[in-house]
């Protein structure tokens, strides 16, 4: 058993990072089929030496267990150093069965990973 979620959206990294630097930092481990990673650089597998990439996307489109997503994103941000991130990752879970939606986001501000939760407000009767 376990709790499954779907990750959507993307984070755009500025300035972009070279394919060689992605590999040197160990951020290319997602190319292994059994790698336990959630995020990948878009088009990394097709990129040529000397190219620069700037978009982090979810590795899977299916529902997965995202137990280590936050530590992974923090490690990527730390490895990339001082950069600007635009966009966010949206995580939608199975829900808790109590009518509350389980949806939240991860964004990066000032090189810090932030969790953002919606505030559900019911109208007055």
PDB file of N, CA and C in Angstrom:
ATOM      1  N   UNK A   1       0.855  -1.175   0.000  1.00  0.00           N
ATOM      2  CA  UNK A   1       0.000   0.000   0.000  1.00  0.00           C
ATOM      3  C   UNK A   1       0.890   1.224   0.000  1.00  0.00           C
ATOM      4  N   UNK A   2       0.321   2.363   0.060  1.00  0.00           N
ATOM      5  CA  UNK A   2       1.072   3.596   0.095  1.00  0.00           C
ATOM      6  C   UNK A   2       0.245   4.714  -0.479  1.00  0.00           C
ATOM      7  N   UNK A   3       0.781   5.885  -0.407  1.00  0.00           N
ATOM      8  CA  UNK A   3       0.094   7.080  -0.848  1.00  0.00           C
ATOM      9  C   UNK A   3       0.686   7.516  -2.183  1.00  0.00           C
ATOM     10  N   UNK A   4      -0.155   7.647  -3.181  1.00  0.00           N
ATOM     11  CA  UNK A   4       0.299   8.001  -4.521  1.00  0.00           C
ATOM     12  C   UNK A   4      -0.093   9.427  -4.875  1.00  0.00           C
ATOM     13  N   UNK A   5       0.770  10.084  -5.632  1.00  0.00           N
ATOM     14  CA  UNK A   5       0.539  11.451  -6.077  1.00  0.00           C
ATOM     15  C   UNK A   5       0.990  11.594  -7.524  1.00  0.00           C
ATOM     16  N   UNK A   6       0.496  12.639  -8.160  1.00  0.00           N
ATOM     17  CA  UNK A   6       0.902  12.974  -9.513  1.00  0.00           C
ATOM     18  C   UNK A   6       1.601  14.326  -9.476  1.00  0.00           C
ATOM     19  N   UNK A   7       2.752  14.413 -10.139  1.00  0.00           N
ATOM     20  CA  UNK A   7       3.506  15.669 -10.221  1.00  0.00           C
ATOM     21  C   UNK A   7       3.303  16.245 -11.620  1.00  0.00           C
ATOM     22  N   UNK A   8       2.945  17.519 -11.680  1.00  0.00           N
ATOM     23  CA  UNK A   8       2.792  18.193 -12.969  1.00  0.00           C
ATOM     24  C   UNK A   8       3.518  19.540 -12.918  1.00  0.00           C
ATOM     25  N   UNK A   9       3.525  20.223 -14.032  1.00  0.00           N
ATOM     26  CA  UNK A   9       4.131  21.541 -14.211  1.00  0.00           C
ATOM     27  C   UNK A   9       5.652  21.431 -14.353  1.00  0.00           C
ATOM     28  N   UNK A  10       6.351  22.549 -14.222  1.00  0.00           N
ATOM     29  CA  UNK A  10       7.793  22.556 -14.432  1.00  0.00           C
ATOM     30  C   UNK A  10       8.444  23.727 -13.717  1.00  0.00           C
ATOM     31  N   UNK A  11       9.758  23.620 -13.547  1.00  0.00           N
ATOM     32  CA  UNK A  11      10.570  24.710 -13.016  1.00  0.00           C
ATOM     33  C   UNK A  11      11.593  25.097 -14.079  1.00  0.00           C
ATOM     34  N   UNK A  12      11.648  26.365 -14.417  1.00  0.00           N
ATOM     35  CA  UNK A  12      12.619  26.857 -15.386  1.00  0.00           C
ATOM     36  C   UNK A  12      13.774  27.490 -14.616  1.00  0.00           C
ATOM     37  N   UNK A  13      14.986  27.041 -14.912  1.00  0.00           N
ATOM     38  CA  UNK A  13      16.192  27.450 -14.205  1.00  0.00           C
ATOM     39  C   UNK A  13      16.929  28.493 -15.042  1.00  0.00           C
ATOM     40  N   UNK A  14      17.333  29.596 -14.396  1.00  0.00           N
ATOM     41  CA  UNK A  14      18.063  30.641 -15.101  1.00  0.00           C
ATOM     42  C   UNK A  14      19.264  31.074 -14.264  1.00  0.00           C
ATOM     43  N   UNK A  15      20.438  31.151 -14.821  1.00  0.00           N
ATOM     44  CA  UNK A  15      20.772  30.832 -16.200  1.00  0.00           C
ATOM     45  C   UNK A  15      20.743  29.320 -16.440  1.00  0.00           C
ATOM     46  N   UNK A  16      20.595  28.943 -17.707  1.00  0.00           N
ATOM     47  CA  UNK A  16      20.587  27.518 -18.051  1.00  0.00           C
ATOM     48  C   UNK A  16      21.908  26.848 -17.669  1.00  0.00           C
ATOM     49  N   UNK A  17      21.904  25.537 -17.633  1.00  0.00           N
ATOM     50  CA  UNK A  17      23.094  24.776 -17.251  1.00  0.00           C
ATOM     51  C   UNK A  17      23.501  23.858 -18.397  1.00  0.00           C
ATOM     52  N   UNK A  18      24.795  23.717 -18.598  1.00  0.00           N
ATOM     53  CA  UNK A  18      25.282  22.903 -19.707  1.00  0.00           C
ATOM     54  C   UNK A  18      25.074  21.412 -19.418  1.00  0.00           C
ATOM     55  N   UNK A  19      24.981  20.658 -20.484  1.00  0.00           N
ATOM     56  CA  UNK A  19      24.838  19.202 -20.369  1.00  0.00           C
ATOM     57  C   UNK A  19      26.021  18.631 -19.596  1.00  0.00           C
ATOM     58  N   UNK A  20      27.202  19.148 -19.856  1.00  0.00           N
ATOM     59  CA  UNK A  20      28.400  18.661 -19.166  1.00  0.00           C
ATOM     60  C   UNK A  20      28.329  18.942 -17.661  1.00  0.00           C
ATOM     61  N   UNK A  21      27.857  20.131 -17.291  1.00  0.00           N
ATOM     62  CA  UNK A  21      27.731  20.462 -15.870  1.00  0.00           C
ATOM     63  C   UNK A  21      26.655  19.621 -15.193  1.00  0.00           C
ATOM     64  N   UNK A  22      25.574  19.338 -15.893  1.00  0.00           N
ATOM     65  CA  UNK A  22      24.532  18.467 -15.338  1.00  0.00           C
ATOM     66  C   UNK A  22      25.136  17.104 -14.987  1.00  0.00           C
ATOM     67  N   UNK A  23      25.935  16.569 -15.883  1.00  0.00           N
ATOM     68  CA  UNK A  23      26.583  15.275 -15.632  1.00  0.00           C
ATOM     69  C   UNK A  23      27.609  15.376 -14.510  1.00  0.00           C
ATOM     70  N   UNK A  24      28.432  16.430 -14.529  1.00  0.00           N
ATOM     71  CA  UNK A  24      29.470  16.589 -13.513  1.00  0.00           C
ATOM     72  C   UNK A  24      28.879  16.714 -12.110  1.00  0.00           C
ATOM     73  N   UNK A  25      27.698  17.315 -12.010  1.00  0.00           N
ATOM     74  CA  UNK A  25      27.035  17.470 -10.710  1.00  0.00           C
ATOM     75  C   UNK A  25      26.261  16.224 -10.296  1.00  0.00           C
ATOM     76  N   UNK A  26      26.233  15.223 -11.155  1.00  0.00           N
ATOM     77  CA  UNK A  26      25.510  13.990 -10.835  1.00  0.00           C
ATOM     78  C   UNK A  26      24.011  14.105 -11.036  1.00  0.00           C
ATOM     79  N   UNK A  27      23.578  15.126 -11.764  1.00  0.00           N
ATOM     80  CA  UNK A  27      22.145  15.322 -11.980  1.00  0.00           C
ATOM     81  C   UNK A  27      21.644  14.584 -13.214  1.00  0.00           C
ATOM     82  N   UNK A  28      22.465  13.685 -13.734  1.00  0.00           N
ATOM     83  CA  UNK A  28      22.072  12.899 -14.904  1.00  0.00           C
ATOM     84  C   UNK A  28      21.687  11.472 -14.523  1.00  0.00           C
ATOM     85  N   UNK A  29      21.591  11.182 -13.240  1.00  0.00           N
ATOM     86  CA  UNK A  29      21.322   9.811 -12.803  1.00  0.00           C
ATOM     87  C   UNK A  29      19.955   9.304 -13.246  1.00  0.00           C
ATOM     88  N   UNK A  30      19.074  10.193 -13.637  1.00  0.00           N
ATOM     89  CA  UNK A  30      17.742   9.779 -14.072  1.00  0.00           C
ATOM     90  C   UNK A  30      17.766   8.942 -15.344  1.00  0.00           C
ATOM     91  N   UNK A  31      18.876   8.963 -16.073  1.00  0.00           N
ATOM     92  CA  UNK A  31      18.901   8.210 -17.330  1.00  0.00           C
ATOM     93  C   UNK A  31      18.943   6.705 -17.087  1.00  0.00           C
ATOM     94  N   UNK A  32      19.276   6.304 -15.869  1.00  0.00           N
ATOM     95  CA  UNK A  32      19.248   4.882 -15.536  1.00  0.00           C
ATOM     96  C   UNK A  32      17.801   4.476 -15.279  1.00  0.00           C
ATOM     97  N   UNK A  33      17.397   3.386 -15.874  1.00  0.00           N
ATOM     98  CA  UNK A  33      16.002   2.951 -15.802  1.00  0.00           C
ATOM     99  C   UNK A  33      15.524   2.738 -14.364  1.00  0.00           C
ATOM    100  N   UNK A  34      16.402   2.258 -13.493  1.00  0.00           N
ATOM    101  CA  UNK A  34      16.001   1.950 -12.114  1.00  0.00           C
ATOM    102  C   UNK A  34      16.317   3.086 -11.141  1.00  0.00           C
ATOM    103  N   UNK A  35      16.693   4.243 -11.650  1.00  0.00           N
ATOM    104  CA  UNK A  35      17.037   5.366 -10.772  1.00  0.00           C
ATOM    105  C   UNK A  35      15.813   5.806  -9.973  1.00  0.00           C
ATOM    106  N   UNK A  36      16.057   6.119  -8.716  1.00  0.00           N
ATOM    107  CA  UNK A  36      14.981   6.538  -7.825  1.00  0.00           C
ATOM    108  C   UNK A  36      14.955   8.062  -7.760  1.00  0.00           C
ATOM    109  N   UNK A  37      14.581   8.690  -8.871  1.00  0.00           N
ATOM    110  CA  UNK A  37      14.525  10.139  -8.940  1.00  0.00           C
ATOM    111  C   UNK A  37      13.165  10.571  -9.459  1.00  0.00           C
ATOM    112  N   UNK A  38      12.776  11.769  -9.107  1.00  0.00           N
ATOM    113  CA  UNK A  38      11.478  12.296  -9.521  1.00  0.00           C
ATOM    114  C   UNK A  38      11.583  13.327 -10.634  1.00  0.00           C
ATOM    115  N   UNK A  39      12.703  14.060 -10.670  1.00  0.00           N
ATOM    116  CA  UNK A  39      12.832  15.192 -11.586  1.00  0.00           C
ATOM    117  C   UNK A  39      13.951  14.959 -12.592  1.00  0.00           C
ATOM    118  N   UNK A  40      13.754  15.471 -13.800  1.00  0.00           N
ATOM    119  CA  UNK A  40      14.757  15.347 -14.848  1.00  0.00           C
ATOM    120  C   UNK A  40      14.857  16.675 -15.593  1.00  0.00           C
ATOM    121  N   UNK A  41      15.981  16.882 -16.255  1.00  0.00           N
ATOM    122  CA  UNK A  41      16.094  18.018 -17.157  1.00  0.00           C
ATOM    123  C   UNK A  41      15.474  17.621 -18.485  1.00  0.00           C
ATOM    124  N   UNK A  42      14.522  18.421 -18.926  1.00  0.00           N
ATOM    125  CA  UNK A  42      13.832  18.140 -20.176  1.00  0.00           C
ATOM    126  C   UNK A  42      14.828  18.045 -21.329  1.00  0.00           C
ATOM    127  N   UNK A  43      14.692  16.998 -22.143  1.00  0.00           N
ATOM    128  CA  UNK A  43      15.513  16.752 -23.335  1.00  0.00           C
ATOM    129  C   UNK A  43      16.958  16.391 -23.033  1.00  0.00           C
ATOM    130  N   UNK A  44      17.285  16.052 -21.783  1.00  0.00           N
ATOM    131  CA  UNK A  44      18.676  15.715 -21.462  1.00  0.00           C
ATOM    132  C   UNK A  44      19.166  14.539 -22.297  1.00  0.00           C
ATOM    133  N   UNK A  45      18.351  13.513 -22.449  1.00  0.00           N
ATOM    134  CA  UNK A  45      18.787  12.309 -23.162  1.00  0.00           C
ATOM    135  C   UNK A  45      19.096  12.579 -24.627  1.00  0.00           C
ATOM    136  N   UNK A  46      18.508  13.621 -25.211  1.00  0.00           N
ATOM    137  CA  UNK A  46      18.743  13.949 -26.612  1.00  0.00           C
ATOM    138  C   UNK A  46      19.708  15.113 -26.797  1.00  0.00           C
ATOM    139  N   UNK A  47      20.167  15.695 -25.711  1.00  0.00           N
ATOM    140  CA  UNK A  47      21.029  16.873 -25.795  1.00  0.00           C
ATOM    141  C   UNK A  47      22.437  16.495 -26.244  1.00  0.00           C
ATOM    142  N   UNK A  48      23.051  17.400 -26.951  1.00  0.00           N
ATOM    143  CA  UNK A  48      24.422  17.227 -27.442  1.00  0.00           C
ATOM    144  C   UNK A  48      25.382  17.992 -26.532  1.00  0.00           C
ATOM    145  N   UNK A  49      26.649  17.554 -26.487  1.00  0.00           N
ATOM    146  CA  UNK A  49      27.644  18.313 -25.716  1.00  0.00           C
ATOM    147  C   UNK A  49      27.652  19.778 -26.150  1.00  0.00           C
ATOM    148  N   UNK A  50      27.750  20.656 -25.182  1.00  0.00           N
ATOM    149  CA  UNK A  50      27.747  22.085 -25.455  1.00  0.00           C
ATOM    150  C   UNK A  50      26.374  22.722 -25.383  1.00  0.00           C
ATOM    151  N   UNK A  51      25.324  21.908 -25.344  1.00  0.00           N
ATOM    152  CA  UNK A  51      23.972  22.466 -25.227  1.00  0.00           C
ATOM    153  C   UNK A  51      23.689  22.841 -23.783  1.00  0.00           C
ATOM    154  N   UNK A  52      22.767  23.780 -23.629  1.00  0.00           N
ATOM    155  CA  UNK A  52      22.340  24.231 -22.305  1.00  0.00           C
ATOM    156  C   UNK A  52      20.869  23.902 -22.120  1.00  0.00           C
ATOM    157  N   UNK A  53      20.524  23.457 -20.918  1.00  0.00           N
ATOM    158  CA  UNK A  53      19.145  23.090 -20.597  1.00  0.00           C
ATOM    159  C   UNK A  53      18.668  23.948 -19.438  1.00  0.00           C
ATOM    160  N   UNK A  54      17.352  24.179 -19.391  1.00  0.00           N
ATOM    161  CA  UNK A  54      16.857  25.073 -18.341  1.00  0.00           C
ATOM    162  C   UNK A  54      15.546  24.630 -17.700  1.00  0.00           C
ATOM    163  N   UNK A  55      15.031  23.449 -18.041  1.00  0.00           N
ATOM    164  CA  UNK A  55      13.710  23.087 -17.537  1.00  0.00           C
ATOM    165  C   UNK A  55      13.725  21.765 -16.792  1.00  0.00           C
ATOM    166  N   UNK A  56      13.351  21.814 -15.514  1.00  0.00           N
ATOM    167  CA  UNK A  56      13.171  20.606 -14.697  1.00  0.00           C
ATOM    168  C   UNK A  56      11.714  20.173 -14.805  1.00  0.00           C
ATOM    169  N   UNK A  57      11.511  18.914 -15.147  1.00  0.00           N
ATOM    170  CA  UNK A  57      10.158  18.384 -15.298  1.00  0.00           C
ATOM    171  C   UNK A  57      10.019  17.085 -14.510  1.00  0.00           C
ATOM    172  N   UNK A  58       8.781  16.658 -14.225  1.00  0.00           N
ATOM    173  CA  UNK A  58       8.584  15.365 -13.572  1.00  0.00           C
ATOM    174  C   UNK A  58       9.051  14.229 -14.482  1.00  0.00           C
ATOM    175  N   UNK A  59       9.646  13.226 -13.880  1.00  0.00           N
ATOM    176  CA  UNK A  59      10.126  12.075 -14.646  1.00  0.00           C
ATOM    177  C   UNK A  59       8.973  11.224 -15.155  1.00  0.00           C
ATOM    178  N   UNK A  60       7.910  11.116 -14.375  1.00  0.00           N
ATOM    179  CA  UNK A  60       6.781  10.255 -14.730  1.00  0.00           C
ATOM    180  C   UNK A  60       5.502  11.058 -14.862  1.00  0.00           C
ATOM    181  N   UNK A  61       4.594  10.551 -15.674  1.00  0.00           N
ATOM    182  CA  UNK A  61       3.263  11.142 -15.777  1.00  0.00           C
ATOM    183  C   UNK A  61       2.265  10.392 -14.906  1.00  0.00           C
ATOM    184  N   UNK A  62       2.616   9.176 -14.493  1.00  0.00           N
ATOM    185  CA  UNK A  62       1.730   8.350 -13.681  1.00  0.00           C
ATOM    186  C   UNK A  62       1.803   8.759 -12.216  1.00  0.00           C
ATOM    187  N   UNK A  63       0.845   8.268 -11.436  1.00  0.00           N
ATOM    188  CA  UNK A  63       0.873   8.466  -9.992  1.00  0.00           C
ATOM    189  C   UNK A  63       2.022   7.656  -9.401  1.00  0.00           C
ATOM    190  N   UNK A  64       2.743   8.281  -8.493  1.00  0.00           N
ATOM    191  CA  UNK A  64       3.886   7.642  -7.851  1.00  0.00           C
ATOM    192  C   UNK A  64       3.914   8.043  -6.380  1.00  0.00           C
ATOM    193  N   UNK A  65       4.749   7.361  -5.613  1.00  0.00           N
ATOM    194  CA  UNK A  65       4.972   7.749  -4.219  1.00  0.00           C
ATOM    195  C   UNK A  65       6.070   8.807  -4.216  1.00  0.00           C
ATOM    196  N   UNK A  66       5.787   9.940  -3.621  1.00  0.00           N
ATOM    197  CA  UNK A  66       6.727  11.072  -3.683  1.00  0.00           C
ATOM    198  C   UNK A  66       7.393  11.360  -2.335  1.00  0.00           C
ATOM    199  N   UNK A  67       7.750  10.313  -1.633  1.00  0.00           N
ATOM    200  CA  UNK A  67       8.298  10.462  -0.286  1.00  0.00           C
ATOM    201  C   UNK A  67       9.560  11.309  -0.219  1.00  0.00           C
ATOM    202  N   UNK A  68      10.408  11.254  -1.234  1.00  0.00           N
ATOM    203  CA  UNK A  68      11.668  11.998  -1.175  1.00  0.00           C
ATOM    204  C   UNK A  68      11.749  13.116  -2.206  1.00  0.00           C
ATOM    205  N   UNK A  69      10.619  13.581  -2.688  1.00  0.00           N
ATOM    206  CA  UNK A  69      10.615  14.659  -3.688  1.00  0.00           C
ATOM    207  C   UNK A  69      11.244  15.933  -3.142  1.00  0.00           C
ATOM    208  N   UNK A  70      10.872  16.344  -1.942  1.00  0.00           N
ATOM    209  CA  UNK A  70      11.393  17.604  -1.388  1.00  0.00           C
ATOM    210  C   UNK A  70      12.905  17.526  -1.173  1.00  0.00           C
ATOM    211  N   UNK A  71      13.429  16.467  -0.532  1.00  0.00           N
ATOM    212  CA  UNK A  71      14.895  16.397  -0.400  1.00  0.00           C
ATOM    213  C   UNK A  71      15.613  16.353  -1.753  1.00  0.00           C
ATOM    214  N   UNK A  72      15.010  15.703  -2.746  1.00  0.00           N
ATOM    215  CA  UNK A  72      15.635  15.668  -4.067  1.00  0.00           C
ATOM    216  C   UNK A  72      15.702  17.067  -4.669  1.00  0.00           C
ATOM    217  N   UNK A  73      14.603  17.821  -4.603  1.00  0.00           N
ATOM    218  CA  UNK A  73      14.613  19.172  -5.151  1.00  0.00           C
ATOM    219  C   UNK A  73      15.595  20.058  -4.391  1.00  0.00           C
ATOM    220  N   UNK A  74      15.668  19.919  -3.081  1.00  0.00           N
ATOM    221  CA  UNK A  74      16.628  20.699  -2.298  1.00  0.00           C
ATOM    222  C   UNK A  74      18.060  20.373  -2.717  1.00  0.00           C
ATOM    223  N   UNK A  75      18.344  19.106  -2.979  1.00  0.00           N
ATOM    224  CA  UNK A  75      19.688  18.712  -3.407  1.00  0.00           C
ATOM    225  C   UNK A  75      20.023  19.288  -4.785  1.00  0.00           C
ATOM    226  N   UNK A  76      19.047  19.304  -5.680  1.00  0.00           N
ATOM    227  CA  UNK A  76      19.266  19.882  -7.010  1.00  0.00           C
ATOM    228  C   UNK A  76      19.548  21.377  -6.893  1.00  0.00           C
ATOM    229  N   UNK A  77      18.753  22.079  -6.099  1.00  0.00           N
ATOM    230  CA  UNK A  77      18.939  23.525  -5.913  1.00  0.00           C
ATOM    231  C   UNK A  77      20.316  23.802  -5.312  1.00  0.00           C
ATOM    232  N   UNK A  78      20.715  23.013  -4.325  1.00  0.00           N
ATOM    233  CA  UNK A  78      22.032  23.195  -3.710  1.00  0.00           C
ATOM    234  C   UNK A  78      23.147  22.933  -4.718  1.00  0.00           C
ATOM    235  N   UNK A  79      23.000  21.896  -5.537  1.00  0.00           N
ATOM    236  CA  UNK A  79      24.027  21.554  -6.521  1.00  0.00           C
ATOM    237  C   UNK A  79      24.165  22.626  -7.602  1.00  0.00           C
ATOM    238  N   UNK A  80      23.060  23.231  -7.992  1.00  0.00           N
ATOM    239  CA  UNK A  80      23.090  24.230  -9.064  1.00  0.00           C
ATOM    240  C   UNK A  80      23.588  25.592  -8.610  1.00  0.00           C
ATOM    241  N   UNK A  81      23.632  25.827  -7.323  1.00  0.00           N
ATOM    242  CA  UNK A  81      24.121  27.106  -6.827  1.00  0.00           C
ATOM    243  C   UNK A  81      23.103  28.214  -7.013  1.00  0.00           C
ATOM    244  N   UNK A  82      23.611  29.437  -7.051  1.00  0.00           N
ATOM    245  CA  UNK A  82      22.756  30.618  -7.079  1.00  0.00           C
ATOM    246  C   UNK A  82      22.116  30.801  -8.457  1.00  0.00           C
ATOM    247  N   UNK A  83      20.837  30.461  -8.557  1.00  0.00           N
ATOM    248  CA  UNK A  83      20.090  30.585  -9.808  1.00  0.00           C
ATOM    249  C   UNK A  83      18.688  31.085  -9.495  1.00  0.00           C
ATOM    250  N   UNK A  84      17.981  31.467 -10.535  1.00  0.00           N
ATOM    251  CA  UNK A  84      16.593  31.915 -10.415  1.00  0.00           C
ATOM    252  C   UNK A  84      15.703  30.818 -10.974  1.00  0.00           C
ATOM    253  N   UNK A  85      14.620  30.534 -10.280  1.00  0.00           N
ATOM    254  CA  UNK A  85      13.674  29.494 -10.694  1.00  0.00           C
ATOM    255  C   UNK A  85      12.318  30.126 -10.943  1.00  0.00           C
ATOM    256  N   UNK A  86      11.745  29.794 -12.082  1.00  0.00           N
ATOM    257  CA  UNK A  86      10.422  30.299 -12.429  1.00  0.00           C
ATOM    258  C   UNK A  86       9.481  29.110 -12.556  1.00  0.00           C
ATOM    259  N   UNK A  87       8.264  29.280 -12.112  1.00  0.00           N
ATOM    260  CA  UNK A  87       7.278  28.202 -12.179  1.00  0.00           C
ATOM    261  C   UNK A  87       7.198  27.442 -10.870  1.00  0.00           C
ATOM    262  N   UNK A  88       6.554  26.291 -10.929  1.00  0.00           N
ATOM    263  CA  UNK A  88       6.374  25.477  -9.740  1.00  0.00           C
ATOM    264  C   UNK A  88       6.042  24.052 -10.159  1.00  0.00           C
ATOM    265  N   UNK A  89       6.182  23.146  -9.214  1.00  0.00           N
ATOM    266  CA  UNK A  89       5.727  21.775  -9.391  1.00  0.00           C
ATOM    267  C   UNK A  89       4.421  21.638  -8.631  1.00  0.00           C
ATOM    268  N   UNK A  90       3.440  21.060  -9.255  1.00  0.00           N
ATOM    269  CA  UNK A  90       2.158  20.850  -8.585  1.00  0.00           C
ATOM    270  C   UNK A  90       2.013  19.374  -8.262  1.00  0.00           C
ATOM    271  N   UNK A  91       1.624  19.077  -7.031  1.00  0.00           N
ATOM    272  CA  UNK A  91       1.474  17.710  -6.569  1.00  0.00           C
ATOM    273  C   UNK A  91       0.021  17.496  -6.186  1.00  0.00           C
ATOM    274  N   UNK A  92      -0.581  16.482  -6.783  1.00  0.00           N
ATOM    275  CA  UNK A  92      -1.969  16.149  -6.485  1.00  0.00           C
ATOM    276  C   UNK A  92      -2.011  14.714  -5.974  1.00  0.00           C
ATOM    277  N   UNK A  93      -2.488  14.560  -4.746  1.00  0.00           N
ATOM    278  CA  UNK A  93      -2.530  13.249  -4.121  1.00  0.00           C
ATOM    279  C   UNK A  93      -3.890  12.611  -4.226  1.00  0.00           C
ATOM    280  N   UNK A  94      -3.943  11.393  -3.692  1.00  0.00           N
ATOM    281  CA  UNK A  94      -5.190  10.628  -3.696  1.00  0.00           C
ATOM    282  C   UNK A  94      -6.263  11.269  -2.843  1.00  0.00           C
ATOM    283  N   UNK A  95      -5.868  12.092  -1.915  1.00  0.00           N
ATOM    284  CA  UNK A  95      -6.817  12.697  -0.984  1.00  0.00           C
ATOM    285  C   UNK A  95      -6.924  11.865   0.274  1.00  0.00           C
ATOM    286  N   UNK A  96      -7.521  12.437   1.242  1.00  0.00           N
ATOM    287  CA  UNK A  96      -7.627  11.783   2.545  1.00  0.00           C
ATOM    288  C   UNK A  96      -8.995  11.171   2.791  1.00  0.00           C
ATOM    289  N   UNK A  97      -9.890  11.299   1.838  1.00  0.00           N
ATOM    290  CA  UNK A  97     -11.208  10.708   2.006  1.00  0.00           C
ATOM    291  C   UNK A  97     -12.156  11.550   2.830  1.00  0.00           C
ATOM    292  N   UNK A  98     -11.742  12.730   3.232  1.00  0.00           N
ATOM    293  CA  UNK A  98     -12.600  13.587   4.056  1.00  0.00           C
ATOM    294  C   UNK A  98     -13.150  14.774   3.272  1.00  0.00           C
ATOM    295  N   UNK A  99     -13.076  14.688   1.963  1.00  0.00           N
ATOM    296  CA  UNK A  99     -13.597  15.768   1.135  1.00  0.00           C
ATOM    297  C   UNK A  99     -12.624  16.895   0.893  1.00  0.00           C
ATOM    298  N   UNK A 100     -11.466  16.844   1.526  1.00  0.00           N
ATOM    299  CA  UNK A 100     -10.461  17.880   1.339  1.00  0.00           C
ATOM    300  C   UNK A 100      -9.564  17.511   0.163  1.00  0.00           C
ATOM    301  N   UNK A 101      -9.362  18.413  -0.755  1.00  0.00           N
ATOM    302  CA  UNK A 101      -8.441  18.101  -1.853  1.00  0.00           C
ATOM    303  C   UNK A 101      -7.012  18.052  -1.330  1.00  0.00           C
ATOM    304  N   UNK A 102      -6.228  17.131  -1.844  1.00  0.00           N
ATOM    305  CA  UNK A 102      -4.816  17.060  -1.485  1.00  0.00           C
ATOM    306  C   UNK A 102      -4.029  17.575  -2.677  1.00  0.00           C
ATOM    307  N   UNK A 103      -3.807  18.864  -2.677  1.00  0.00           N
ATOM    308  CA  UNK A 103      -3.071  19.499  -3.757  1.00  0.00           C
ATOM    309  C   UNK A 103      -2.147  20.530  -3.131  1.00  0.00           C
ATOM    310  N   UNK A 104      -0.899  20.554  -3.578  1.00  0.00           N
ATOM    311  CA  UNK A 104       0.065  21.502  -3.060  1.00  0.00           C
ATOM    312  C   UNK A 104       1.132  21.734  -4.117  1.00  0.00           C
ATOM    313  N   UNK A 105       1.981  22.699  -3.879  1.00  0.00           N
ATOM    314  CA  UNK A 105       3.006  23.063  -4.843  1.00  0.00           C
ATOM    315  C   UNK A 105       4.366  23.172  -4.176  1.00  0.00           C
ATOM    316  N   UNK A 106       5.379  22.992  -4.995  1.00  0.00           N
ATOM    317  CA  UNK A 106       6.749  23.277  -4.595  1.00  0.00           C
ATOM    318  C   UNK A 106       7.268  24.354  -5.519  1.00  0.00           C
ATOM    319  N   UNK A 107       7.870  25.370  -4.930  1.00  0.00           N
ATOM    320  CA  UNK A 107       8.493  26.415  -5.712  1.00  0.00           C
ATOM    321  C   UNK A 107       9.841  26.725  -5.070  1.00  0.00           C
ATOM    322  N   UNK A 108      10.669  27.450  -5.806  1.00  0.00           N
ATOM    323  CA  UNK A 108      11.985  27.829  -5.296  1.00  0.00           C
ATOM    324  C   UNK A 108      12.078  29.343  -5.316  1.00  0.00           C
ATOM    325  N   UNK A 109      12.311  29.915  -4.147  1.00  0.00           N
ATOM    326  CA  UNK A 109      12.486  31.352  -3.998  1.00  0.00           C
ATOM    327  C   UNK A 109      13.781  31.591  -3.229  1.00  0.00           C
ATOM    328  N   UNK A 110      14.648  32.436  -3.777  1.00  0.00           N
ATOM    329  CA  UNK A 110      15.931  32.743  -3.125  1.00  0.00           C
ATOM    330  C   UNK A 110      16.707  31.471  -2.786  1.00  0.00           C
ATOM    331  N   UNK A 111      16.689  30.528  -3.713  1.00  0.00           N
ATOM    332  CA  UNK A 111      17.391  29.243  -3.582  1.00  0.00           C
ATOM    333  C   UNK A 111      16.913  28.407  -2.392  1.00  0.00           C
ATOM    334  N   UNK A 112      15.687  28.625  -1.966  1.00  0.00           N
ATOM    335  CA  UNK A 112      15.070  27.824  -0.914  1.00  0.00           C
ATOM    336  C   UNK A 112      13.810  27.165  -1.473  1.00  0.00           C
ATOM    337  N   UNK A 113      13.649  25.887  -1.196  1.00  0.00           N
ATOM    338  CA  UNK A 113      12.453  25.156  -1.631  1.00  0.00           C
ATOM    339  C   UNK A 113      11.324  25.472  -0.653  1.00  0.00           C
ATOM    340  N   UNK A 114      10.182  25.871  -1.198  1.00  0.00           N
ATOM    341  CA  UNK A 114       9.024  26.209  -0.374  1.00  0.00           C
ATOM    342  C   UNK A 114       7.846  25.315  -0.735  1.00  0.00           C
ATOM    343  N   UNK A 115       7.157  24.839   0.281  1.00  0.00           N
ATOM    344  CA  UNK A 115       5.907  24.122   0.080  1.00  0.00           C
ATOM    345  C   UNK A 115       4.783  25.146   0.162  1.00  0.00           C
ATOM    346  N   UNK A 116       3.849  25.093  -0.777  1.00  0.00           N
ATOM    347  CA  UNK A 116       2.740  26.037  -0.807  1.00  0.00           C
ATOM    348  C   UNK A 116       1.446  25.227  -0.797  1.00  0.00           C
ATOM    349  N   UNK A 117       0.602  25.510   0.196  1.00  0.00           N
ATOM    350  CA  UNK A 117      -0.665  24.794   0.337  1.00  0.00           C
ATOM    351  C   UNK A 117      -1.821  25.761   0.118  1.00  0.00           C
ATOM    352  N   UNK A 118      -2.870  25.309  -0.571  1.00  0.00           N
ATOM    353  CA  UNK A 118      -4.025  26.188  -0.762  1.00  0.00           C
ATOM    354  C   UNK A 118      -4.805  26.328   0.537  1.00  0.00           C
ATOM    355  N   UNK A 119      -5.545  27.385   0.632  1.00  0.00           N
ATOM    356  CA  UNK A 119      -6.413  27.583   1.783  1.00  0.00           C
ATOM    357  C   UNK A 119      -7.844  27.405   1.302  1.00  0.00           C
ATOM    358  N   UNK A 120      -8.508  26.410   1.828  1.00  0.00           N
ATOM    359  CA  UNK A 120      -9.877  26.127   1.461  1.00  0.00           C
ATOM    360  C   UNK A 120     -10.803  26.849   2.423  1.00  0.00           C
ATOM    361  N   UNK A 121     -11.655  27.716   1.902  1.00  0.00           N
ATOM    362  CA  UNK A 121     -12.559  28.492   2.739  1.00  0.00           C
ATOM    363  C   UNK A 121     -13.988  28.169   2.287  1.00  0.00           C
ATOM    364  N   UNK A 122     -14.779  27.654   3.211  1.00  0.00           N
ATOM    365  CA  UNK A 122     -16.174  27.348   2.912  1.00  0.00           C
ATOM    366  C   UNK A 122     -17.020  28.604   3.097  1.00  0.00           C
ATOM    367  N   UNK A 123     -17.950  28.835   2.203  1.00  0.00           N
ATOM    368  CA  UNK A 123     -18.806  30.017   2.355  1.00  0.00           C
ATOM    369  C   UNK A 123     -19.696  29.858   3.597  1.00  0.00           C
ATOM    370  N   UNK A 124     -20.057  31.000   4.149  1.00  0.00           N
ATOM    371  CA  UNK A 124     -20.945  30.987   5.297  1.00  0.00           C
ATOM    372  C   UNK A 124     -22.329  30.502   4.859  1.00  0.00           C
ATOM    373  N   UNK A 125     -23.012  29.811   5.753  1.00  0.00           N
ATOM    374  CA  UNK A 125     -24.377  29.338   5.443  1.00  0.00           C
ATOM    375  C   UNK A 125     -25.370  30.477   5.460  1.00  0.00           C
TER     376      UNK A 125
END
